[in-house]
Amino acid sequence: MTDAPPTTGLHHVTNVCTDMDETRSFYEDVLGWHTVKRTQNYDDPGTPHYYFSSTPEGEPGTTVTYFEYPDSQGTPGPGASHHFAFGVADEAALREWKAHLESRDVRVSEVKDRTYFKSVYFSDPDGLVFELATEGPGFTSDEAEPGSAVIDPFEEGREE
């Protein structure tokens, strides 16, 4: 336990994209999110910084932001995000999202049983991996053997 006050949860996530128009279209047209703020990177003036939210108000915990660096190329590994997950209510909603994404030509994994939840994976225009995950059964459920679940999000035709 720390002497510091507790955090209130995830505030927002910031990523890098190569084309803000393409990223904005992905969030608005594919995910149905809202562009709630357009500004610049305060640490790098002149670099676009857009805020996308699952709600029109863009409150903390619902927001993903992007800096645009057209010539950037990320490499997965230490210091980089592997993926991030958005929640959905249940498996029916998850399957609706899968069909929705596929109807917009987004490559989506099969539904995966991750013991703690079910999920699907897909990528944004720059290759950042997203996950949609159900709320249940929750993290209080344990694997029979810790670490036994295989995570290969795009392995086709496989349900775990």
N, C-alpha and C. Protein backbone atom coordinates (compact mmCIF):
# COMPACT_ATOMS: atom_id res chain seq x y z
N MET A 1 0.85 -1.18 0.00
CA MET A 1 0.00 0.00 0.00
C MET A 1 0.89 1.24 0.00
N THR A 2 0.47 2.24 -0.72
CA THR A 2 1.23 3.48 -0.82
C THR A 2 0.61 4.56 0.07
N ASP A 3 1.42 5.55 0.39
CA ASP A 3 0.91 6.68 1.16
C ASP A 3 0.21 7.70 0.28
N ALA A 4 0.33 7.54 -1.03
CA ALA A 4 -0.31 8.47 -1.97
C ALA A 4 -1.81 8.20 -2.02
N PRO A 5 -2.61 9.23 -2.34
CA PRO A 5 -4.05 9.00 -2.47
C PRO A 5 -4.34 8.08 -3.64
N PRO A 6 -5.46 7.37 -3.62
CA PRO A 6 -5.78 6.45 -4.72
C PRO A 6 -6.07 7.21 -6.01
N THR A 7 -5.80 6.56 -7.13
CA THR A 7 -6.18 7.14 -8.42
C THR A 7 -7.67 6.91 -8.63
N THR A 8 -8.24 7.65 -9.55
CA THR A 8 -9.68 7.55 -9.81
C THR A 8 -9.99 6.62 -10.98
N GLY A 9 -8.97 6.05 -11.60
CA GLY A 9 -9.18 5.16 -12.74
C GLY A 9 -8.49 5.71 -13.98
N LEU A 10 -8.72 5.08 -15.09
CA LEU A 10 -8.11 5.49 -16.35
C LEU A 10 -8.73 6.81 -16.80
N HIS A 11 -7.93 7.80 -17.07
CA HIS A 11 -8.40 9.12 -17.51
C HIS A 11 -8.56 9.14 -19.03
N HIS A 12 -7.46 8.89 -19.75
CA HIS A 12 -7.49 8.79 -21.21
C HIS A 12 -6.23 8.06 -21.68
N VAL A 13 -6.22 7.67 -22.92
CA VAL A 13 -5.07 7.04 -23.55
C VAL A 13 -4.69 7.90 -24.73
N THR A 14 -3.39 8.16 -24.94
CA THR A 14 -2.93 8.93 -26.09
C THR A 14 -2.08 8.05 -26.98
N ASN A 15 -2.34 8.09 -28.27
CA ASN A 15 -1.63 7.30 -29.26
C ASN A 15 -1.07 8.21 -30.35
N VAL A 16 -0.32 7.64 -31.26
CA VAL A 16 0.23 8.36 -32.40
C VAL A 16 -0.38 7.78 -33.67
N CYS A 17 -0.75 8.66 -34.60
CA CYS A 17 -1.25 8.22 -35.91
C CYS A 17 -0.45 8.92 -37.01
N THR A 18 -0.55 8.39 -38.22
CA THR A 18 0.15 9.01 -39.35
C THR A 18 -0.76 9.89 -40.19
N ASP A 19 -2.08 9.75 -40.04
CA ASP A 19 -3.03 10.52 -40.84
C ASP A 19 -4.26 10.80 -39.99
N MET A 20 -4.38 12.03 -39.50
CA MET A 20 -5.48 12.37 -38.59
C MET A 20 -6.83 12.25 -39.26
N ASP A 21 -6.92 12.59 -40.55
CA ASP A 21 -8.21 12.46 -41.25
C ASP A 21 -8.66 11.00 -41.30
N GLU A 22 -7.73 10.10 -41.57
CA GLU A 22 -8.05 8.67 -41.61
C GLU A 22 -8.42 8.16 -40.21
N THR A 23 -7.70 8.60 -39.20
CA THR A 23 -7.99 8.20 -37.83
C THR A 23 -9.34 8.75 -37.39
N ARG A 24 -9.60 10.00 -37.71
CA ARG A 24 -10.90 10.61 -37.36
C ARG A 24 -12.04 9.85 -38.03
N SER A 25 -11.88 9.51 -39.28
CA SER A 25 -12.90 8.75 -39.99
C SER A 25 -13.13 7.39 -39.34
N PHE A 26 -12.05 6.73 -38.93
CA PHE A 26 -12.16 5.44 -38.26
C PHE A 26 -12.98 5.57 -36.98
N TYR A 27 -12.65 6.55 -36.14
CA TYR A 27 -13.37 6.71 -34.88
C TYR A 27 -14.82 7.14 -35.10
N GLU A 28 -15.06 8.07 -36.01
CA GLU A 28 -16.41 8.56 -36.22
C GLU A 28 -17.27 7.59 -37.04
N ASP A 29 -16.76 7.15 -38.20
CA ASP A 29 -17.57 6.37 -39.13
C ASP A 29 -17.62 4.89 -38.81
N VAL A 30 -16.55 4.34 -38.26
CA VAL A 30 -16.52 2.90 -37.96
C VAL A 30 -16.95 2.64 -36.52
N LEU A 31 -16.36 3.37 -35.57
CA LEU A 31 -16.68 3.12 -34.17
C LEU A 31 -17.88 3.92 -33.66
N GLY A 32 -18.27 4.98 -34.40
CA GLY A 32 -19.41 5.79 -33.97
C GLY A 32 -19.08 6.72 -32.80
N TRP A 33 -17.80 7.02 -32.61
CA TRP A 33 -17.38 7.91 -31.53
C TRP A 33 -17.50 9.36 -31.98
N HIS A 34 -17.19 10.27 -31.08
CA HIS A 34 -17.31 11.70 -31.32
C HIS A 34 -15.94 12.37 -31.23
N THR A 35 -15.68 13.31 -32.13
CA THR A 35 -14.50 14.15 -32.00
C THR A 35 -14.90 15.26 -31.05
N VAL A 36 -14.31 15.27 -29.85
CA VAL A 36 -14.74 16.21 -28.82
C VAL A 36 -13.77 17.38 -28.63
N LYS A 37 -12.58 17.27 -29.20
CA LYS A 37 -11.62 18.37 -29.07
C LYS A 37 -10.58 18.24 -30.17
N ARG A 38 -10.24 19.37 -30.78
CA ARG A 38 -9.15 19.45 -31.76
C ARG A 38 -8.22 20.56 -31.30
N THR A 39 -7.00 20.19 -31.02
CA THR A 39 -6.04 21.17 -30.52
C THR A 39 -4.66 20.79 -31.05
N GLN A 40 -3.62 21.22 -30.35
CA GLN A 40 -2.27 20.85 -30.73
C GLN A 40 -1.58 20.21 -29.53
N ASN A 41 -0.51 19.51 -29.80
CA ASN A 41 0.30 18.91 -28.76
C ASN A 41 1.01 20.05 -28.03
N TYR A 42 0.69 20.24 -26.76
CA TYR A 42 1.27 21.35 -26.01
C TYR A 42 2.78 21.23 -25.86
N ASP A 43 3.30 19.99 -25.92
CA ASP A 43 4.75 19.78 -25.83
C ASP A 43 5.44 19.88 -27.18
N ASP A 44 4.66 19.90 -28.27
CA ASP A 44 5.20 19.98 -29.62
C ASP A 44 4.25 20.83 -30.47
N PRO A 45 4.22 22.15 -30.21
CA PRO A 45 3.28 23.03 -30.91
C PRO A 45 3.32 22.84 -32.43
N GLY A 46 2.15 22.83 -33.02
CA GLY A 46 2.02 22.62 -34.45
C GLY A 46 1.63 21.19 -34.79
N THR A 47 1.78 20.27 -33.85
CA THR A 47 1.39 18.87 -34.06
C THR A 47 -0.06 18.70 -33.65
N PRO A 48 -0.93 18.27 -34.57
CA PRO A 48 -2.35 18.08 -34.23
C PRO A 48 -2.54 17.09 -33.09
N HIS A 49 -3.50 17.41 -32.22
CA HIS A 49 -3.87 16.54 -31.09
C HIS A 49 -5.40 16.52 -31.03
N TYR A 50 -5.98 15.37 -31.40
CA TYR A 50 -7.44 15.22 -31.43
C TYR A 50 -7.88 14.30 -30.31
N TYR A 51 -9.06 14.58 -29.78
CA TYR A 51 -9.67 13.79 -28.70
C TYR A 51 -10.94 13.14 -29.24
N PHE A 52 -11.02 11.82 -29.12
CA PHE A 52 -12.20 11.06 -29.55
C PHE A 52 -12.81 10.40 -28.32
N SER A 53 -14.15 10.41 -28.25
CA SER A 53 -14.82 9.87 -27.07
C SER A 53 -16.02 9.04 -27.47
N SER A 54 -16.31 8.05 -26.65
CA SER A 54 -17.50 7.23 -26.87
C SER A 54 -18.76 7.98 -26.47
N THR A 55 -18.61 9.14 -25.81
CA THR A 55 -19.76 9.97 -25.44
C THR A 55 -19.57 11.37 -26.02
N PRO A 56 -20.65 12.10 -26.27
CA PRO A 56 -20.52 13.44 -26.82
C PRO A 56 -19.80 14.42 -25.88
N GLU A 57 -19.81 14.14 -24.57
CA GLU A 57 -19.21 15.05 -23.59
C GLU A 57 -17.71 14.81 -23.43
N GLY A 58 -17.22 13.63 -23.73
CA GLY A 58 -15.80 13.34 -23.63
C GLY A 58 -15.24 13.33 -22.23
N GLU A 59 -16.00 12.80 -21.29
CA GLU A 59 -15.52 12.79 -19.92
C GLU A 59 -14.38 11.77 -19.73
N PRO A 60 -13.57 11.99 -18.67
CA PRO A 60 -12.47 11.06 -18.40
C PRO A 60 -12.96 9.61 -18.35
N GLY A 61 -12.14 8.72 -18.87
CA GLY A 61 -12.49 7.31 -18.92
C GLY A 61 -13.18 6.89 -20.20
N THR A 62 -13.56 7.88 -21.03
CA THR A 62 -14.24 7.58 -22.30
C THR A 62 -13.45 8.08 -23.50
N THR A 63 -12.24 8.59 -23.26
CA THR A 63 -11.53 9.35 -24.28
C THR A 63 -10.20 8.72 -24.69
N VAL A 64 -9.97 8.74 -26.00
CA VAL A 64 -8.70 8.33 -26.60
C VAL A 64 -8.23 9.52 -27.42
N THR A 65 -6.95 9.89 -27.27
CA THR A 65 -6.43 11.02 -28.02
C THR A 65 -5.31 10.57 -28.95
N TYR A 66 -5.07 11.37 -29.97
CA TYR A 66 -4.02 11.06 -30.95
C TYR A 66 -3.21 12.30 -31.28
N PHE A 67 -1.89 12.09 -31.40
CA PHE A 67 -0.98 13.06 -31.99
C PHE A 67 -0.75 12.58 -33.42
N GLU A 68 -0.70 13.52 -34.37
CA GLU A 68 -0.42 13.14 -35.76
C GLU A 68 1.06 13.38 -36.07
N TYR A 69 1.75 12.31 -36.44
CA TYR A 69 3.14 12.36 -36.91
C TYR A 69 3.19 11.56 -38.21
N PRO A 70 3.02 12.22 -39.36
CA PRO A 70 2.90 11.52 -40.65
C PRO A 70 4.06 10.59 -41.00
N ASP A 71 5.25 10.89 -40.54
CA ASP A 71 6.41 10.06 -40.91
C ASP A 71 6.81 9.07 -39.83
N SER A 72 5.95 8.86 -38.86
CA SER A 72 6.30 7.95 -37.77
C SER A 72 6.02 6.50 -38.15
N GLN A 73 6.77 5.61 -37.54
CA GLN A 73 6.56 4.17 -37.74
C GLN A 73 6.85 3.50 -36.41
N GLY A 74 5.82 2.96 -35.77
CA GLY A 74 6.00 2.33 -34.47
C GLY A 74 6.49 0.90 -34.59
N THR A 75 7.09 0.43 -33.52
CA THR A 75 7.55 -0.94 -33.43
C THR A 75 7.01 -1.54 -32.14
N PRO A 76 6.29 -2.66 -32.23
CA PRO A 76 5.81 -3.29 -30.99
C PRO A 76 6.99 -3.69 -30.10
N GLY A 77 6.81 -3.56 -28.82
CA GLY A 77 7.85 -3.95 -27.88
C GLY A 77 7.84 -3.06 -26.67
N PRO A 78 8.87 -3.14 -25.84
CA PRO A 78 8.91 -2.32 -24.63
C PRO A 78 8.73 -0.84 -24.96
N GLY A 79 7.91 -0.20 -24.16
CA GLY A 79 7.64 1.22 -24.37
C GLY A 79 6.48 1.49 -25.31
N ALA A 80 5.93 0.44 -25.90
CA ALA A 80 4.80 0.59 -26.83
C ALA A 80 3.59 -0.15 -26.27
N SER A 81 2.42 0.28 -26.66
CA SER A 81 1.20 -0.40 -26.25
C SER A 81 1.02 -1.67 -27.08
N HIS A 82 0.61 -2.75 -26.45
CA HIS A 82 0.30 -3.99 -27.17
C HIS A 82 -1.09 -3.87 -27.79
N HIS A 83 -2.07 -3.49 -26.98
CA HIS A 83 -3.43 -3.23 -27.43
C HIS A 83 -4.17 -2.55 -26.29
N PHE A 84 -5.34 -2.03 -26.59
CA PHE A 84 -6.21 -1.59 -25.51
C PHE A 84 -7.62 -2.03 -25.81
N ALA A 85 -8.41 -2.18 -24.74
CA ALA A 85 -9.73 -2.79 -24.85
C ALA A 85 -10.84 -1.82 -24.47
N PHE A 86 -11.93 -1.90 -25.23
CA PHE A 86 -13.16 -1.19 -24.91
C PHE A 86 -14.15 -2.23 -24.43
N GLY A 87 -14.99 -1.85 -23.49
CA GLY A 87 -15.98 -2.78 -22.95
C GLY A 87 -17.27 -2.79 -23.74
N VAL A 88 -17.90 -3.95 -23.78
CA VAL A 88 -19.26 -4.11 -24.30
C VAL A 88 -20.03 -4.92 -23.25
N ALA A 89 -21.35 -4.80 -23.26
CA ALA A 89 -22.16 -5.38 -22.20
C ALA A 89 -22.06 -6.90 -22.12
N ASP A 90 -22.18 -7.58 -23.27
CA ASP A 90 -22.28 -9.04 -23.24
C ASP A 90 -21.89 -9.62 -24.59
N GLU A 91 -22.00 -10.95 -24.71
CA GLU A 91 -21.58 -11.61 -25.94
C GLU A 91 -22.46 -11.23 -27.12
N ALA A 92 -23.74 -10.99 -26.90
CA ALA A 92 -24.62 -10.57 -28.00
C ALA A 92 -24.14 -9.23 -28.58
N ALA A 93 -23.80 -8.29 -27.72
CA ALA A 93 -23.28 -7.00 -28.18
C ALA A 93 -21.94 -7.19 -28.88
N LEU A 94 -21.12 -8.08 -28.36
CA LEU A 94 -19.82 -8.36 -28.98
C LEU A 94 -20.01 -8.87 -30.40
N ARG A 95 -20.94 -9.79 -30.59
CA ARG A 95 -21.18 -10.35 -31.94
C ARG A 95 -21.78 -9.30 -32.86
N GLU A 96 -22.60 -8.39 -32.34
CA GLU A 96 -23.12 -7.29 -33.16
C GLU A 96 -21.98 -6.38 -33.61
N TRP A 97 -21.06 -6.08 -32.71
CA TRP A 97 -19.90 -5.27 -33.07
C TRP A 97 -19.05 -5.97 -34.13
N LYS A 98 -18.85 -7.26 -33.97
CA LYS A 98 -18.07 -8.01 -34.95
C LYS A 98 -18.69 -7.88 -36.34
N ALA A 99 -19.99 -8.07 -36.43
CA ALA A 99 -20.69 -7.94 -37.72
C ALA A 99 -20.61 -6.50 -38.24
N HIS A 100 -20.76 -5.54 -37.37
CA HIS A 100 -20.67 -4.12 -37.76
C HIS A 100 -19.30 -3.80 -38.35
N LEU A 101 -18.25 -4.22 -37.66
CA LEU A 101 -16.89 -3.95 -38.14
C LEU A 101 -16.64 -4.63 -39.48
N GLU A 102 -17.05 -5.88 -39.60
CA GLU A 102 -16.87 -6.61 -40.86
C GLU A 102 -17.62 -5.94 -42.00
N SER A 103 -18.79 -5.36 -41.72
CA SER A 103 -19.57 -4.68 -42.76
C SER A 103 -18.87 -3.41 -43.25
N ARG A 104 -17.89 -2.95 -42.49
CA ARG A 104 -17.10 -1.77 -42.87
C ARG A 104 -15.68 -2.15 -43.28
N ASP A 105 -15.55 -3.43 -43.67
CA ASP A 105 -14.28 -3.96 -44.19
C ASP A 105 -13.13 -3.91 -43.19
N VAL A 106 -13.45 -4.01 -41.90
CA VAL A 106 -12.42 -4.10 -40.88
C VAL A 106 -12.19 -5.58 -40.60
N ARG A 107 -10.93 -5.99 -40.62
CA ARG A 107 -10.57 -7.38 -40.32
C ARG A 107 -10.73 -7.60 -38.81
N VAL A 108 -11.53 -8.59 -38.44
CA VAL A 108 -11.86 -8.84 -37.04
C VAL A 108 -11.59 -10.31 -36.72
N SER A 109 -11.03 -10.57 -35.55
CA SER A 109 -10.79 -11.95 -35.13
C SER A 109 -12.11 -12.66 -34.85
N GLU A 110 -12.03 -13.95 -34.70
CA GLU A 110 -13.17 -14.71 -34.19
C GLU A 110 -13.38 -14.33 -32.73
N VAL A 111 -14.55 -14.66 -32.19
CA VAL A 111 -14.80 -14.42 -30.77
C VAL A 111 -13.90 -15.35 -29.97
N LYS A 112 -13.16 -14.77 -29.03
CA LYS A 112 -12.23 -15.52 -28.19
C LYS A 112 -12.76 -15.61 -26.76
N ASP A 113 -12.64 -16.79 -26.16
CA ASP A 113 -12.98 -16.95 -24.76
C ASP A 113 -11.71 -16.76 -23.96
N ARG A 114 -11.61 -15.67 -23.23
CA ARG A 114 -10.41 -15.32 -22.47
C ARG A 114 -10.56 -15.65 -20.98
N THR A 115 -11.41 -16.58 -20.66
CA THR A 115 -11.71 -17.02 -19.30
C THR A 115 -12.44 -15.94 -18.51
N TYR A 116 -11.89 -14.74 -18.45
CA TYR A 116 -12.47 -13.65 -17.68
C TYR A 116 -13.51 -12.87 -18.46
N PHE A 117 -13.51 -13.01 -19.77
CA PHE A 117 -14.41 -12.29 -20.66
C PHE A 117 -14.27 -12.91 -22.04
N LYS A 118 -15.15 -12.54 -22.94
CA LYS A 118 -15.03 -12.91 -24.36
C LYS A 118 -14.69 -11.65 -25.12
N SER A 119 -13.95 -11.81 -26.22
CA SER A 119 -13.51 -10.61 -26.93
C SER A 119 -13.24 -10.88 -28.40
N VAL A 120 -13.13 -9.78 -29.15
CA VAL A 120 -12.66 -9.80 -30.53
C VAL A 120 -11.59 -8.73 -30.65
N TYR A 121 -10.73 -8.90 -31.66
CA TYR A 121 -9.62 -7.97 -31.90
C TYR A 121 -9.70 -7.43 -33.33
N PHE A 122 -9.27 -6.19 -33.48
CA PHE A 122 -9.18 -5.55 -34.79
C PHE A 122 -8.15 -4.44 -34.69
N SER A 123 -7.79 -3.83 -35.80
CA SER A 123 -6.76 -2.79 -35.80
C SER A 123 -7.27 -1.50 -36.41
N ASP A 124 -6.67 -0.39 -35.98
CA ASP A 124 -6.97 0.91 -36.57
C ASP A 124 -6.16 1.06 -37.85
N PRO A 125 -6.33 2.16 -38.58
CA PRO A 125 -5.61 2.33 -39.86
C PRO A 125 -4.09 2.27 -39.75
N ASP A 126 -3.52 2.56 -38.57
CA ASP A 126 -2.07 2.49 -38.40
C ASP A 126 -1.61 1.17 -37.79
N GLY A 127 -2.54 0.24 -37.57
CA GLY A 127 -2.15 -1.07 -37.06
C GLY A 127 -2.23 -1.23 -35.55
N LEU A 128 -2.69 -0.22 -34.82
CA LEU A 128 -2.84 -0.34 -33.38
C LEU A 128 -3.97 -1.33 -33.10
N VAL A 129 -3.71 -2.32 -32.27
CA VAL A 129 -4.69 -3.38 -32.02
C VAL A 129 -5.67 -2.93 -30.94
N PHE A 130 -6.95 -3.12 -31.24
CA PHE A 130 -8.05 -2.85 -30.32
C PHE A 130 -8.68 -4.17 -29.94
N GLU A 131 -9.28 -4.19 -28.78
CA GLU A 131 -10.05 -5.34 -28.32
C GLU A 131 -11.40 -4.82 -27.84
N LEU A 132 -12.46 -5.56 -28.15
CA LEU A 132 -13.76 -5.32 -27.54
C LEU A 132 -13.97 -6.50 -26.60
N ALA A 133 -14.26 -6.22 -25.33
CA ALA A 133 -14.35 -7.27 -24.31
C ALA A 133 -15.66 -7.17 -23.54
N THR A 134 -16.26 -8.32 -23.27
CA THR A 134 -17.49 -8.36 -22.49
C THR A 134 -17.20 -8.07 -21.03
N GLU A 135 -18.21 -7.65 -20.31
CA GLU A 135 -18.04 -7.33 -18.89
C GLU A 135 -17.85 -8.56 -18.03
N GLY A 136 -18.42 -9.69 -18.43
CA GLY A 136 -18.35 -10.87 -17.57
C GLY A 136 -17.58 -12.00 -18.20
N PRO A 137 -17.23 -13.03 -17.46
CA PRO A 137 -17.63 -13.21 -16.06
C PRO A 137 -16.84 -12.38 -15.07
N GLY A 138 -15.74 -11.79 -15.45
CA GLY A 138 -14.98 -10.92 -14.55
C GLY A 138 -13.66 -11.53 -14.15
N PHE A 139 -12.84 -10.72 -13.53
CA PHE A 139 -11.48 -11.13 -13.19
C PHE A 139 -11.40 -12.02 -11.96
N THR A 140 -12.51 -12.31 -11.32
CA THR A 140 -12.46 -13.19 -10.16
C THR A 140 -12.46 -14.66 -10.57
N SER A 141 -12.67 -14.92 -11.86
CA SER A 141 -12.61 -16.28 -12.38
C SER A 141 -11.16 -16.59 -12.74
N ASP A 142 -10.66 -17.75 -12.32
CA ASP A 142 -9.26 -18.10 -12.57
C ASP A 142 -9.11 -19.17 -13.64
N GLU A 143 -7.98 -19.14 -14.34
CA GLU A 143 -7.63 -20.21 -15.27
C GLU A 143 -7.29 -21.45 -14.46
N ALA A 144 -7.56 -22.64 -15.02
CA ALA A 144 -7.21 -23.88 -14.33
C ALA A 144 -5.71 -23.92 -14.05
N GLU A 145 -4.90 -23.49 -15.01
CA GLU A 145 -3.45 -23.39 -14.86
C GLU A 145 -3.05 -21.98 -15.26
N PRO A 146 -2.59 -21.16 -14.32
CA PRO A 146 -2.25 -19.77 -14.66
C PRO A 146 -1.33 -19.66 -15.87
N GLY A 147 -1.70 -18.76 -16.78
CA GLY A 147 -0.91 -18.55 -17.99
C GLY A 147 -1.20 -19.54 -19.09
N SER A 148 -2.21 -20.38 -18.93
CA SER A 148 -2.47 -21.40 -19.94
C SER A 148 -3.24 -20.88 -21.14
N ALA A 149 -3.87 -19.72 -21.02
CA ALA A 149 -4.64 -19.17 -22.15
C ALA A 149 -3.68 -18.64 -23.22
N VAL A 150 -3.88 -19.05 -24.45
CA VAL A 150 -3.05 -18.60 -25.56
C VAL A 150 -3.70 -17.37 -26.16
N ILE A 151 -2.91 -16.31 -26.36
CA ILE A 151 -3.45 -15.09 -26.97
C ILE A 151 -2.84 -14.93 -28.35
N ASP A 152 -3.63 -15.25 -29.35
CA ASP A 152 -3.26 -15.06 -30.75
C ASP A 152 -4.48 -14.42 -31.40
N PRO A 153 -4.62 -13.10 -31.28
CA PRO A 153 -5.87 -12.44 -31.61
C PRO A 153 -6.36 -12.60 -33.04
N PHE A 154 -5.49 -12.83 -33.99
CA PHE A 154 -5.95 -12.90 -35.37
C PHE A 154 -5.88 -14.29 -35.96
N GLU A 155 -5.66 -15.31 -35.12
CA GLU A 155 -5.67 -16.67 -35.65
C GLU A 155 -7.08 -16.97 -36.14
N GLU A 156 -7.21 -17.20 -37.41
CA GLU A 156 -8.53 -17.37 -38.03
C GLU A 156 -9.15 -18.72 -37.68
N GLY A 157 -10.47 -18.72 -37.55
CA GLY A 157 -11.23 -19.94 -37.43
C GLY A 157 -11.02 -20.67 -36.12
N ARG A 158 -10.55 -19.99 -35.10
CA ARG A 158 -10.30 -20.66 -33.84
C ARG A 158 -11.09 -19.99 -32.73
N GLU A 159 -11.89 -20.75 -32.05
CA GLU A 159 -12.58 -20.27 -30.87
C GLU A 159 -11.93 -20.95 -29.69
N GLU A 160 -11.57 -20.20 -28.69
CA GLU A 160 -10.95 -20.80 -27.51
C GLU A 160 -11.99 -21.11 -26.47
